[in-house]
Amino acid sequence: MQQDLNNKEVRFTIDFFEKVLFKGKLLNFDNEAIEKLTECYIFLQDFSKGKLIYGINTGFGPMAQYRIEQKDRIDLQYNLIRSHCGGAGQHIPPLYVKAGMICRLTSILQAKSGIHPECALLLKDMINNDIIPVIFEHGGVGASGDLVQLAHLALAMIGEGQVYYKGKITDTAKAFDDCNLKPITIRIREGLSLINGTSIMTGISIVNLIRAKNLFDWSLFAGSMINELVDSFDDSFSEELNNSKKHLGQIKVAEAMRKILAGSKMIKQRKLALYNRNVTEKILAEKVQEYYSLRCMPQIYGPIYDTIANAIKIVSNEINSANDNPVVDVETKNVYHGGNFHGDYMSLEMDKLKIVITKLTMTNERQLNFLLNPKLNEKFAPFVNLGTPGLNLGMQGVQFTATSTTAECQTLSFPNYIHSIPNNNDNQDIVSMGTNSALITKKVIDNAYQVLAIYYMALIQAVDNIKAKDKMAPATKEVYIQLRNLVPAFSKDTPKYKEIENINNYLLNNKPGILFEWE
């Protein structure tokens, strides 16, 4: 199946990326897209004759004052690509690089770069054939965009460097030969246009958002499930209470909780439990109100929902933008110099995202702690231990992993947006660090899934501890069954790292149900 790319007022969405990245959709062009690119390329070729235009017949960055001779223009573009291939550190996982390649393609398809259409065609073919350049985590300051990371993409497009292909790292030339592809030809400003932009940080941000949406849904199910297991009152997520506060996220979270917990035989109605009887006890055996991590879920999760939803809008705008420099405008017959490559939008949104994902993880960890501590919950065996107390340890050991991983998220959540360091002979005197922000957010999201996997392991143990399966809401019972099929109940002490990994992978690759329309 193919996903068409064209210029008929198409707006690329996060959902579009999800189909290509995770559902095997192939990309294709219509003739109009190629015609638009060709028109822009021909215009720039004619317009640039006899004019001084940055990056065509000048040096780059602080060396823009140096005029480049006609005979050296092609070498200039190759020099730019090769000289900026100075990445270091771990490889960015191919999935995230592929997302970045699609972002570079959607930017080119705005037809404001003035580069030859074969760049778009080769990118499409590389994406469809899963030829993914080796790109390093370290290198980008996010100001002229992802200069270093995108240089490694451009290096592959000129047939050099290395790529991931069929699960292995190989020379680009060999992968191209296998797929009958040819490198691009440098003509006018292909080097500058390909490396100048926000595509890698945006691609990472897109995968982060896809993961974050799913993480949020699973966390909401988990939080609803613990409320159910400890016999919480239903008024904390009632329509009447939450609609009295005018935040969309809070209202939506409460609505989703009501949907998840519909039909539960454990959720209590305050009216029946406390209002319709004469309370005479001096000290009540049951709690009148739950702890904040349970009772305040709409108020805590609401701003997290709002932040993710806003990030989707901002990142979607970036996907559909021309983000290199200069911008070539066929309609006005002009070339505009500026800073569309600057990554502040992505940097700020990813910083906000990692903050709220850390808060989500902190809440999951607190709910887990409540579940494991009988002095708090007054209901479950210590560490939801299904074995012999003292002899067996239940979930005691894995709680340490959840706590330490949450602490790492807290440390990582300091914003990169305000970490500007001038460089490039002070030409780039204030930068976004957007790629760093997106990559650190990726780490926070990865951590969050690990904590949530441990939490779910404890939740399904708790269900068995109090034999609650048949009293659960249909939606939470279904989640319990799915996870129990994956990880059997345990009473004996055995290594748990494989079970954590299994649940983690299941949460990553499955959805608990459709709770929200995010786009």
Protein backbone atom coordinates (compact mmCIF):
# COMPACT_ATOMS: atom_id res chain seq x y z
CA MET A 1 0.00 0.00 0.00
CA GLN A 2 1.17 3.50 -0.74
CA GLN A 3 0.81 6.80 1.06
CA ASP A 4 0.50 9.58 -1.50
CA LEU A 5 2.51 12.78 -1.13
CA ASN A 6 1.31 15.73 -3.12
CA ASN A 7 0.85 19.48 -3.06
CA LYS A 8 -2.96 19.67 -3.14
CA GLU A 9 -3.23 21.38 0.24
CA VAL A 10 -2.10 18.16 1.93
CA ARG A 11 -1.29 18.53 5.60
CA PHE A 12 1.01 15.84 6.93
CA THR A 13 -0.01 14.57 10.36
CA ILE A 14 1.44 12.50 13.18
CA ASP A 15 -1.00 9.79 12.09
CA PHE A 16 0.53 9.86 8.60
CA PHE A 17 3.97 9.21 10.11
CA GLU A 18 2.63 6.41 12.28
CA LYS A 19 1.26 4.64 9.20
CA VAL A 20 4.62 4.84 7.42
CA LEU A 21 6.82 4.06 10.42
CA PHE A 22 4.78 1.30 12.06
CA LYS A 23 2.27 0.00 9.54
CA GLY A 24 4.40 -0.50 6.44
CA LYS A 25 2.87 2.21 4.25
CA LEU A 26 5.03 3.13 1.24
CA LEU A 27 5.44 6.67 -0.04
CA ASN A 28 4.53 7.85 -3.51
CA PHE A 29 4.37 11.16 -5.39
CA ASP A 30 1.85 12.59 -7.76
CA ASN A 31 2.92 14.53 -10.86
CA GLU A 32 1.94 17.87 -9.35
CA ALA A 33 4.47 17.49 -6.53
CA ILE A 34 7.29 16.92 -9.03
CA GLU A 35 6.09 19.83 -11.17
CA LYS A 36 6.15 22.20 -8.19
CA LEU A 37 9.67 21.14 -7.27
CA THR A 38 10.83 21.50 -10.84
CA GLU A 39 9.29 24.95 -11.13
CA CYS A 40 11.07 26.13 -7.99
CA TYR A 41 14.37 24.62 -9.09
CA ILE A 42 14.23 26.27 -12.52
CA PHE A 43 13.24 29.60 -10.98
CA LEU A 44 16.21 29.58 -8.58
CA GLN A 45 18.57 28.55 -11.35
CA ASP A 46 17.51 31.55 -13.44
CA PHE A 47 17.11 33.99 -10.55
CA SER A 48 20.57 33.35 -9.13
CA LYS A 49 22.38 34.34 -12.33
CA GLY A 50 24.35 37.50 -11.73
CA LYS A 51 23.25 37.76 -8.08
CA LEU A 52 24.99 37.08 -4.79
CA ILE A 53 22.89 34.56 -2.86
CA TYR A 54 23.92 32.93 0.38
CA GLY A 55 25.04 29.34 0.04
CA ILE A 56 25.11 29.41 -3.75
CA ASN A 57 28.07 31.67 -4.41
CA THR A 58 29.11 32.52 -0.85
CA GLY A 59 30.73 30.65 1.99
CA PHE A 60 28.67 29.42 4.91
CA GLY A 61 27.90 30.82 8.34
CA PRO A 62 30.51 33.39 9.43
CA MET A 63 32.32 32.81 6.11
CA ALA A 64 29.37 34.14 4.12
CA GLN A 65 31.43 37.24 3.34
CA TYR A 66 33.63 35.15 1.06
CA ARG A 67 32.40 35.09 -2.52
CA ILE A 68 32.76 31.76 -4.32
CA GLU A 69 33.80 31.55 -7.96
CA GLN A 70 31.48 29.91 -10.47
CA LYS A 71 33.92 27.06 -11.08
CA ASP A 72 33.97 26.15 -7.37
CA ARG A 73 30.24 26.11 -6.67
CA ILE A 74 29.77 22.34 -6.96
CA ASP A 75 32.80 21.65 -4.78
CA LEU A 76 31.40 24.10 -2.23
CA GLN A 77 28.31 21.93 -1.74
CA TYR A 78 30.29 18.68 -1.46
CA ASN A 79 32.71 20.34 0.97
CA LEU A 80 29.82 21.45 3.15
CA ILE A 81 28.35 17.95 3.39
CA ARG A 82 31.63 16.15 4.02
CA SER A 83 33.05 18.68 6.48
CA HIS A 84 29.97 18.55 8.69
CA CYS A 85 29.91 14.77 9.00
CA GLY A 86 31.49 14.96 12.42
CA GLY A 87 28.89 13.24 14.60
CA ALA A 88 29.90 11.21 17.63
CA GLY A 89 28.44 8.97 20.31
CA GLN A 90 25.70 6.39 19.95
CA HIS A 91 23.79 5.93 16.72
CA ILE A 92 20.31 7.42 16.68
CA PRO A 93 18.04 4.36 16.30
CA PRO A 94 17.00 3.81 12.66
CA LEU A 95 13.29 4.27 13.45
CA TYR A 96 13.92 7.84 14.62
CA VAL A 97 16.25 8.57 11.69
CA LYS A 98 13.60 7.29 9.28
CA ALA A 99 11.11 9.71 10.82
CA GLY A 100 13.67 12.47 10.29
CA MET A 101 14.08 11.48 6.65
CA ILE A 102 10.33 11.74 6.13
CA CYS A 103 10.45 15.19 7.75
CA ARG A 104 13.19 16.26 5.36
CA LEU A 105 11.03 15.01 2.52
CA THR A 106 7.91 16.87 3.68
CA SER A 107 10.00 20.04 4.00
CA ILE A 108 11.37 19.66 0.47
CA LEU A 109 7.84 19.08 -0.80
CA GLN A 110 6.88 22.59 0.30
CA ALA A 111 8.73 23.54 -2.93
CA LYS A 112 10.60 26.43 -1.33
CA SER A 113 14.15 25.04 -1.40
CA GLY A 114 15.03 25.38 -5.08
CA ILE A 115 16.76 22.02 -5.22
CA HIS A 116 16.39 19.43 -7.94
CA PRO A 117 13.39 17.04 -7.65
CA GLU A 118 15.71 14.03 -7.71
CA CYS A 119 16.53 14.80 -4.05
CA ALA A 120 12.91 14.16 -3.10
CA LEU A 121 12.71 11.10 -5.32
CA LEU A 122 15.85 9.54 -3.84
CA LEU A 123 14.70 10.26 -0.29
CA LYS A 124 11.38 8.58 -1.07
CA ASP A 125 13.16 5.52 -2.45
CA MET A 126 15.53 5.32 0.51
CA ILE A 127 12.60 5.47 2.92
CA ASN A 128 10.60 2.86 1.01
CA ASN A 129 13.61 0.53 0.87
CA ASP A 130 14.57 1.11 4.51
CA ILE A 131 18.00 2.46 3.63
CA ILE A 132 18.62 4.47 6.80
CA PRO A 133 21.82 6.53 7.17
CA VAL A 134 24.02 6.05 10.22
CA ILE A 135 23.50 9.26 12.20
CA PHE A 136 25.03 10.00 15.58
CA GLU A 137 23.37 11.42 18.69
CA HIS A 138 25.99 14.09 19.28
CA GLY A 139 26.57 16.95 16.88
CA GLY A 140 23.60 19.24 16.53
CA VAL A 141 23.07 22.49 18.42
CA GLY A 142 19.73 23.01 16.70
CA ALA A 143 20.36 26.50 15.37
CA SER A 144 21.01 26.17 11.65
CA GLY A 145 18.92 23.13 12.32
CA ASP A 146 20.49 19.69 12.62
CA LEU A 147 23.57 20.56 10.58
CA VAL A 148 25.76 17.66 11.66
CA GLN A 149 23.06 15.00 11.79
CA LEU A 150 21.57 16.05 8.46
CA ALA A 151 25.03 16.13 6.92
CA HIS A 152 25.21 12.39 7.56
CA LEU A 153 21.89 12.03 5.72
CA ALA A 154 23.19 14.12 2.83
CA LEU A 155 26.40 12.05 2.80
CA ALA A 156 24.33 8.94 2.11
CA MET A 157 22.38 10.77 -0.59
CA ILE A 158 25.62 11.48 -2.47
CA GLY A 159 26.42 7.77 -2.20
CA GLU A 160 28.99 7.94 0.59
CA GLY A 161 29.15 6.90 4.24
CA GLN A 162 27.24 4.04 5.84
CA VAL A 163 23.61 3.08 6.26
CA TYR A 164 21.44 0.56 8.06
CA TYR A 165 20.10 -1.83 5.47
CA LYS A 166 18.38 -5.17 6.10
CA GLY A 167 19.22 -4.87 9.78
CA LYS A 168 22.94 -4.38 9.30
CA ILE A 169 25.36 -1.50 8.81
CA THR A 170 26.75 -1.45 5.29
CA ASP A 171 28.33 0.98 2.84
CA THR A 172 25.80 3.24 1.19
CA ALA A 173 27.07 2.39 -2.26
CA LYS A 174 26.34 -1.31 -1.72
CA ALA A 175 22.80 -0.67 -0.46
CA PHE A 176 22.15 1.60 -3.45
CA ASP A 177 23.43 -1.07 -5.84
CA ASP A 178 21.14 -3.67 -4.26
CA CYS A 179 18.12 -1.40 -4.77
CA ASN A 180 19.22 -0.01 -8.16
CA LEU A 181 19.42 3.55 -6.81
CA LYS A 182 21.76 6.32 -7.86
CA PRO A 183 23.19 9.14 -5.73
CA ILE A 184 21.93 12.66 -6.30
CA THR A 185 23.83 15.07 -8.52
CA ILE A 186 24.83 18.36 -6.91
CA ARG A 187 23.62 21.23 -9.08
CA ILE A 188 23.04 24.50 -7.26
CA ARG A 189 22.45 24.38 -3.48
CA GLU A 190 21.54 20.78 -2.73
CA GLY A 191 24.21 20.45 -0.03
CA LEU A 192 23.06 23.46 1.96
CA SER A 193 19.36 22.70 1.60
CA LEU A 194 19.72 19.08 2.69
CA ILE A 195 21.68 19.81 5.87
CA ASN A 196 19.98 23.09 6.84
CA GLY A 197 16.77 22.36 8.75
CA THR A 198 15.02 20.90 11.76
CA SER A 199 14.19 17.49 10.31
CA ILE A 200 16.08 15.18 12.67
CA MET A 201 14.88 16.86 15.86
CA THR A 202 11.37 16.91 14.39
CA GLY A 203 11.53 13.24 13.40
CA ILE A 204 12.64 12.26 16.90
CA SER A 205 9.88 14.48 18.30
CA ILE A 206 7.27 12.70 16.17
CA VAL A 207 8.24 9.25 17.46
CA ASN A 208 8.36 10.71 20.98
CA LEU A 209 4.79 11.93 20.58
CA ILE A 210 3.55 8.62 19.17
CA ARG A 211 5.13 6.86 22.17
CA ALA A 212 3.91 9.52 24.61
CA LYS A 213 0.28 9.28 23.48
CA ASN A 214 0.28 5.54 24.01
CA LEU A 215 2.13 5.84 27.32
CA PHE A 216 -0.48 8.31 28.54
CA ASP A 217 -3.35 6.00 27.63
CA TRP A 218 -1.74 3.02 29.38
CA SER A 219 -0.97 5.15 32.44
CA LEU A 220 -4.56 6.32 32.58
CA PHE A 221 -5.73 2.70 32.51
CA ALA A 222 -3.27 1.81 35.29
CA GLY A 223 -4.36 4.74 37.46
CA SER A 224 -8.00 3.82 36.92
CA MET A 225 -7.26 0.21 37.80
CA ILE A 226 -5.63 1.05 41.14
CA ASN A 227 -8.56 3.29 42.03
CA GLU A 228 -10.77 0.32 41.34
CA LEU A 229 -8.70 -2.17 43.35
CA VAL A 230 -8.66 0.01 46.47
CA ASP A 231 -12.42 0.72 46.32
CA SER A 232 -12.12 4.42 45.58
CA PHE A 233 -15.10 6.74 45.52
CA ASP A 234 -16.40 7.73 42.11
CA ASP A 235 -16.90 11.45 42.73
CA SER A 236 -13.23 12.35 42.13
CA PHE A 237 -13.70 11.61 38.43
CA SER A 238 -17.36 12.59 38.24
CA GLU A 239 -18.65 14.82 35.47
CA GLU A 240 -20.12 17.29 37.95
CA LEU A 241 -16.88 17.87 39.86
CA ASN A 242 -14.51 18.01 36.89
CA ASN A 243 -16.69 20.11 34.62
CA SER A 244 -16.70 22.75 37.33
CA LYS A 245 -13.05 23.38 36.46
CA LYS A 246 -12.68 24.63 32.91
CA HIS A 247 -9.58 22.79 31.67
CA LEU A 248 -10.12 20.57 28.64
CA GLY A 249 -7.51 18.01 29.69
CA GLN A 250 -9.01 17.52 33.13
CA ILE A 251 -12.50 17.10 31.68
CA LYS A 252 -11.27 14.59 29.11
CA VAL A 253 -9.29 12.56 31.67
CA ALA A 254 -12.27 12.31 34.00
CA GLU A 255 -14.48 11.29 31.09
CA ALA A 256 -11.99 8.59 30.09
CA MET A 257 -11.82 7.28 33.67
CA ARG A 258 -15.60 6.96 33.74
CA LYS A 259 -15.44 5.06 30.47
CA ILE A 260 -12.68 2.74 31.72
CA LEU A 261 -14.36 2.01 35.06
CA ALA A 262 -17.91 1.60 33.77
CA GLY A 263 -19.39 -1.60 35.20
CA SER A 264 -16.91 -2.00 38.07
CA LYS A 265 -18.29 -3.67 41.19
CA MET A 266 -15.57 -2.16 43.37
CA ILE A 267 -15.81 1.59 42.74
CA LYS A 268 -17.90 3.11 45.54
CA GLN A 269 -20.60 5.78 45.37
CA ARG A 270 -20.19 8.29 48.16
CA LYS A 271 -23.92 8.76 48.34
CA LEU A 272 -24.49 5.11 49.24
CA ALA A 273 -21.41 4.69 51.43
CA LEU A 274 -21.54 7.86 53.51
CA TYR A 275 -24.50 10.08 52.70
CA ASN A 276 -27.37 7.59 52.99
CA ARG A 277 -26.50 6.33 56.45
CA ASN A 278 -26.04 7.81 59.89
CA VAL A 279 -22.29 7.87 60.53
CA THR A 280 -21.68 7.29 64.26
CA GLU A 281 -18.09 5.99 64.31
CA LYS A 282 -15.50 8.21 65.98
CA ILE A 283 -12.81 6.85 63.67
CA LEU A 284 -13.84 5.47 60.33
CA ALA A 285 -12.26 2.22 59.18
CA GLU A 286 -12.33 3.29 55.57
CA LYS A 287 -10.73 6.41 54.12
CA VAL A 288 -13.06 9.32 53.47
CA GLN A 289 -10.76 10.53 50.68
CA GLU A 290 -8.03 8.77 48.72
CA TYR A 291 -4.38 9.84 48.51
CA TYR A 292 -3.65 12.56 45.97
CA SER A 293 -2.00 10.26 43.41
CA LEU A 294 -5.35 8.46 43.15
CA ARG A 295 -7.92 11.14 43.90
CA CYS A 296 -6.33 13.94 41.85
CA MET A 297 -5.77 12.01 38.62
CA PRO A 298 -7.91 14.37 36.48
CA GLN A 299 -6.06 17.39 37.87
CA ILE A 300 -2.59 15.78 37.44
CA TYR A 301 -3.14 13.97 34.15
CA GLY A 302 -5.18 16.82 32.65
CA PRO A 303 -2.26 19.20 32.06
CA ILE A 304 -0.22 16.26 30.76
CA TYR A 305 -2.93 15.60 28.17
CA ASP A 306 -3.05 19.30 27.26
CA THR A 307 0.74 19.44 26.85
CA ILE A 308 0.86 16.38 24.59
CA ALA A 309 -2.06 17.71 22.52
CA ASN A 310 -0.39 21.10 22.11
CA ALA A 311 2.93 19.48 21.18
CA ILE A 312 1.15 17.53 18.43
CA LYS A 313 -0.10 20.83 16.97
CA ILE A 314 3.31 22.51 17.11
CA VAL A 315 5.20 19.52 15.71
CA SER A 316 2.60 19.12 12.96
CA ASN A 317 3.20 22.75 11.99
CA GLU A 318 6.92 22.07 11.78
CA ILE A 319 6.34 18.99 9.62
CA ASN A 320 4.45 21.14 7.14
CA SER A 321 6.99 23.97 7.04
CA ALA A 322 9.90 24.99 4.86
CA ASN A 323 12.75 25.04 7.35
CA ASP A 324 16.00 25.75 5.54
CA ASN A 325 17.66 29.02 4.47
CA PRO A 326 17.23 30.88 2.23
CA VAL A 327 13.58 30.29 1.31
CA VAL A 328 12.82 30.39 -2.41
CA ASP A 329 9.39 31.80 -3.21
CA VAL A 330 8.20 31.26 -6.76
CA GLU A 331 5.03 33.31 -6.32
CA THR A 332 6.80 36.53 -5.38
CA LYS A 333 9.82 35.74 -7.56
CA ASN A 334 12.23 36.32 -4.71
CA VAL A 335 14.69 34.59 -2.38
CA TYR A 336 14.36 35.38 1.34
CA HIS A 337 17.18 35.03 3.86
CA GLY A 338 16.31 34.34 7.48
CA GLY A 339 16.27 31.64 10.14
CA ASN A 340 13.55 29.06 9.49
CA PHE A 341 16.13 26.43 10.40
CA HIS A 342 16.11 27.50 14.06
CA GLY A 343 14.83 24.73 16.35
CA ASP A 344 13.31 26.66 19.24
CA TYR A 345 9.79 25.38 18.62
CA MET A 346 10.93 21.75 18.79
CA SER A 347 13.26 22.36 21.71
CA LEU A 348 10.60 24.00 23.86
CA GLU A 349 7.91 21.43 23.05
CA MET A 350 10.22 18.51 23.80
CA ASP A 351 11.31 20.10 27.07
CA LYS A 352 7.66 20.53 28.03
CA LEU A 353 6.93 16.97 26.95
CA LYS A 354 9.74 15.45 29.02
CA ILE A 355 8.61 17.45 32.07
CA VAL A 356 5.05 16.14 31.88
CA ILE A 357 6.18 12.58 31.10
CA THR A 358 8.38 12.75 34.19
CA LYS A 359 5.39 13.95 36.23
CA LEU A 360 3.37 11.07 34.80
CA THR A 361 6.14 8.66 35.79
CA MET A 362 6.35 10.16 39.27
CA THR A 363 2.60 9.64 39.67
CA ASN A 364 2.86 6.04 38.45
CA GLU A 365 5.69 5.44 40.91
CA ARG A 366 3.69 6.91 43.80
CA GLN A 367 0.68 4.75 42.91
CA LEU A 368 3.00 1.74 42.77
CA ASN A 369 4.41 2.61 46.19
CA PHE A 370 0.88 2.89 47.59
CA LEU A 371 0.05 -0.52 46.15
CA LEU A 372 3.12 -2.18 47.67
CA ASN A 373 2.88 -0.68 51.15
CA PRO A 374 0.18 -2.31 53.33
CA LYS A 375 0.47 0.49 55.89
CA LEU A 376 -0.86 2.82 53.20
CA ASN A 377 -3.34 0.68 51.29
CA GLU A 378 -4.46 -1.48 54.26
CA LYS A 379 -5.61 -4.11 51.79
CA PHE A 380 -2.82 -5.98 50.02
CA ALA A 381 -0.01 -8.23 51.20
CA PRO A 382 3.35 -6.43 51.53
CA PHE A 383 4.80 -5.96 48.03
CA VAL A 384 1.68 -7.82 46.75
CA ASN A 385 3.51 -10.99 47.73
CA LEU A 386 1.57 -14.11 46.73
CA GLY A 387 4.06 -16.37 48.49
CA THR A 388 5.11 -16.83 52.11
CA PRO A 389 5.72 -13.50 53.89
CA GLY A 390 9.34 -13.17 54.91
CA LEU A 391 10.49 -16.17 52.91
CA ASN A 392 9.29 -14.71 49.61
CA LEU A 393 9.77 -11.09 48.57
CA GLY A 394 7.13 -10.46 45.91
CA MET A 395 7.66 -7.13 44.12
CA GLN A 396 10.18 -5.81 46.66
CA GLY A 397 13.23 -6.05 44.41
CA VAL A 398 11.74 -4.53 41.28
CA GLN A 399 10.42 -1.51 43.16
CA PHE A 400 14.02 -0.31 43.44
CA THR A 401 14.22 -0.25 39.64
CA ALA A 402 11.06 1.80 39.36
CA THR A 403 12.24 4.28 41.98
CA SER A 404 15.74 4.76 40.55
CA THR A 405 14.44 5.06 36.99
CA THR A 406 11.95 7.71 38.08
CA ALA A 407 14.77 9.61 39.78
CA GLU A 408 16.76 9.57 36.54
CA CYS A 409 13.78 11.07 34.71
CA GLN A 410 13.67 13.88 37.26
CA THR A 411 17.34 14.67 36.64
CA LEU A 412 16.93 14.54 32.86
CA SER A 413 13.97 16.92 32.89
CA PHE A 414 15.98 20.11 33.30
CA PRO A 415 15.27 22.12 30.11
CA ASN A 416 17.70 22.24 27.19
CA TYR A 417 15.81 25.19 25.73
CA ILE A 418 17.79 27.51 28.02
CA HIS A 419 21.13 25.77 27.48
CA SER A 420 22.30 27.92 24.59
CA ILE A 421 26.07 28.08 24.07
CA PRO A 422 27.36 30.44 21.34
CA ASN A 423 29.50 28.80 18.64
CA ASN A 424 30.35 29.07 14.93
CA ASN A 425 32.54 32.14 15.55
CA ASP A 426 29.53 33.61 17.39
CA ASN A 427 27.48 33.62 14.19
CA GLN A 428 25.22 31.17 16.02
CA ASP A 429 25.16 33.30 19.15
CA ILE A 430 21.95 31.78 20.52
CA VAL A 431 20.92 28.23 19.70
CA SER A 432 18.03 25.88 20.50
CA MET A 433 19.72 22.59 21.43
CA GLY A 434 16.56 21.07 19.94
CA THR A 435 18.13 17.77 18.95
CA ASN A 436 19.53 17.26 22.44
CA SER A 437 16.13 18.08 23.90
CA ALA A 438 14.37 15.59 21.62
CA LEU A 439 16.91 12.83 22.36
CA ILE A 440 16.75 13.35 26.13
CA THR A 441 12.96 13.32 25.91
CA LYS A 442 13.26 9.98 24.12
CA LYS A 443 15.25 8.67 27.08
CA VAL A 444 12.65 9.95 29.55
CA ILE A 445 9.87 8.24 27.57
CA ASP A 446 11.85 4.98 27.41
CA ASN A 447 12.32 5.17 31.18
CA ALA A 448 8.63 5.89 31.70
CA TYR A 449 7.64 2.70 29.90
CA GLN A 450 9.97 0.68 32.15
CA VAL A 451 8.42 2.12 35.30
CA LEU A 452 4.93 1.53 33.94
CA ALA A 453 5.79 -2.08 33.08
CA ILE A 454 6.80 -2.70 36.70
CA TYR A 455 3.66 -0.97 37.91
CA TYR A 456 1.46 -3.16 35.72
CA MET A 457 3.21 -6.26 37.01
CA ALA A 458 2.28 -5.17 40.53
CA LEU A 459 -1.29 -4.35 39.53
CA ILE A 460 -2.04 -7.76 38.09
CA GLN A 461 -0.44 -9.39 41.15
CA ALA A 462 -2.74 -7.24 43.29
CA VAL A 463 -5.78 -8.46 41.36
CA ASP A 464 -4.83 -12.04 42.23
CA ASN A 465 -3.96 -11.10 45.81
CA ILE A 466 -7.56 -10.06 46.53
CA LYS A 467 -9.20 -12.28 43.89
CA ALA A 468 -10.79 -9.26 42.23
CA LYS A 469 -10.91 -10.40 38.60
CA ASP A 470 -14.67 -11.01 38.47
CA LYS A 471 -15.49 -7.69 40.16
CA MET A 472 -13.49 -5.55 37.76
CA ALA A 473 -14.86 -3.30 35.04
CA PRO A 474 -14.89 -5.02 31.64
CA ALA A 475 -12.18 -2.67 30.29
CA THR A 476 -9.75 -3.16 33.19
CA LYS A 477 -10.48 -6.88 33.32
CA GLU A 478 -9.51 -7.16 29.65
CA VAL A 479 -6.17 -5.44 30.34
CA TYR A 480 -5.60 -7.82 33.27
CA ILE A 481 -6.26 -10.84 31.03
CA GLN A 482 -3.96 -9.57 28.28
CA LEU A 483 -1.08 -9.04 30.69
CA ARG A 484 -1.70 -12.25 32.61
CA ASN A 485 -1.42 -14.18 29.35
CA LEU A 486 1.97 -12.54 28.95
CA VAL A 487 3.23 -12.87 32.54
CA PRO A 488 1.75 -15.62 34.74
CA ALA A 489 1.06 -15.01 38.42
CA PHE A 490 4.04 -15.81 40.63
CA SER A 491 4.51 -16.71 44.28
CA LYS A 492 8.08 -17.97 44.14
CA ASP A 493 11.02 -15.61 43.76
CA THR A 494 12.48 -15.68 40.26
CA PRO A 495 14.42 -13.17 38.14
CA LYS A 496 12.00 -10.58 36.81
CA TYR A 497 13.95 -8.72 34.14
CA LYS A 498 12.50 -10.78 31.30
CA GLU A 499 8.93 -10.24 32.51
CA ILE A 500 9.57 -6.49 32.77
CA GLU A 501 10.90 -6.49 29.21
CA ASN A 502 7.92 -8.50 27.95
CA ILE A 503 5.38 -6.13 29.50
CA ASN A 504 7.40 -3.11 28.35
CA ASN A 505 7.37 -4.32 24.75
CA TYR A 506 3.67 -5.14 24.94
CA LEU A 507 2.83 -1.64 26.17
CA LEU A 508 4.99 -0.11 23.44
CA ASN A 509 3.39 -2.06 20.64
CA ASN A 510 -0.24 -2.23 21.70
CA LYS A 511 -2.99 0.18 22.69
CA PRO A 512 -5.32 -0.30 25.67
CA GLY A 513 -8.27 1.14 23.74
CA ILE A 514 -9.20 4.37 22.00
CA LEU A 515 -9.67 7.00 24.69
CA PHE A 516 -8.88 10.24 22.84
CA GLU A 517 -8.80 11.71 19.36
CA TRP A 518 -5.39 13.33 19.60
CA GLU A 519 -5.24 14.97 16.14
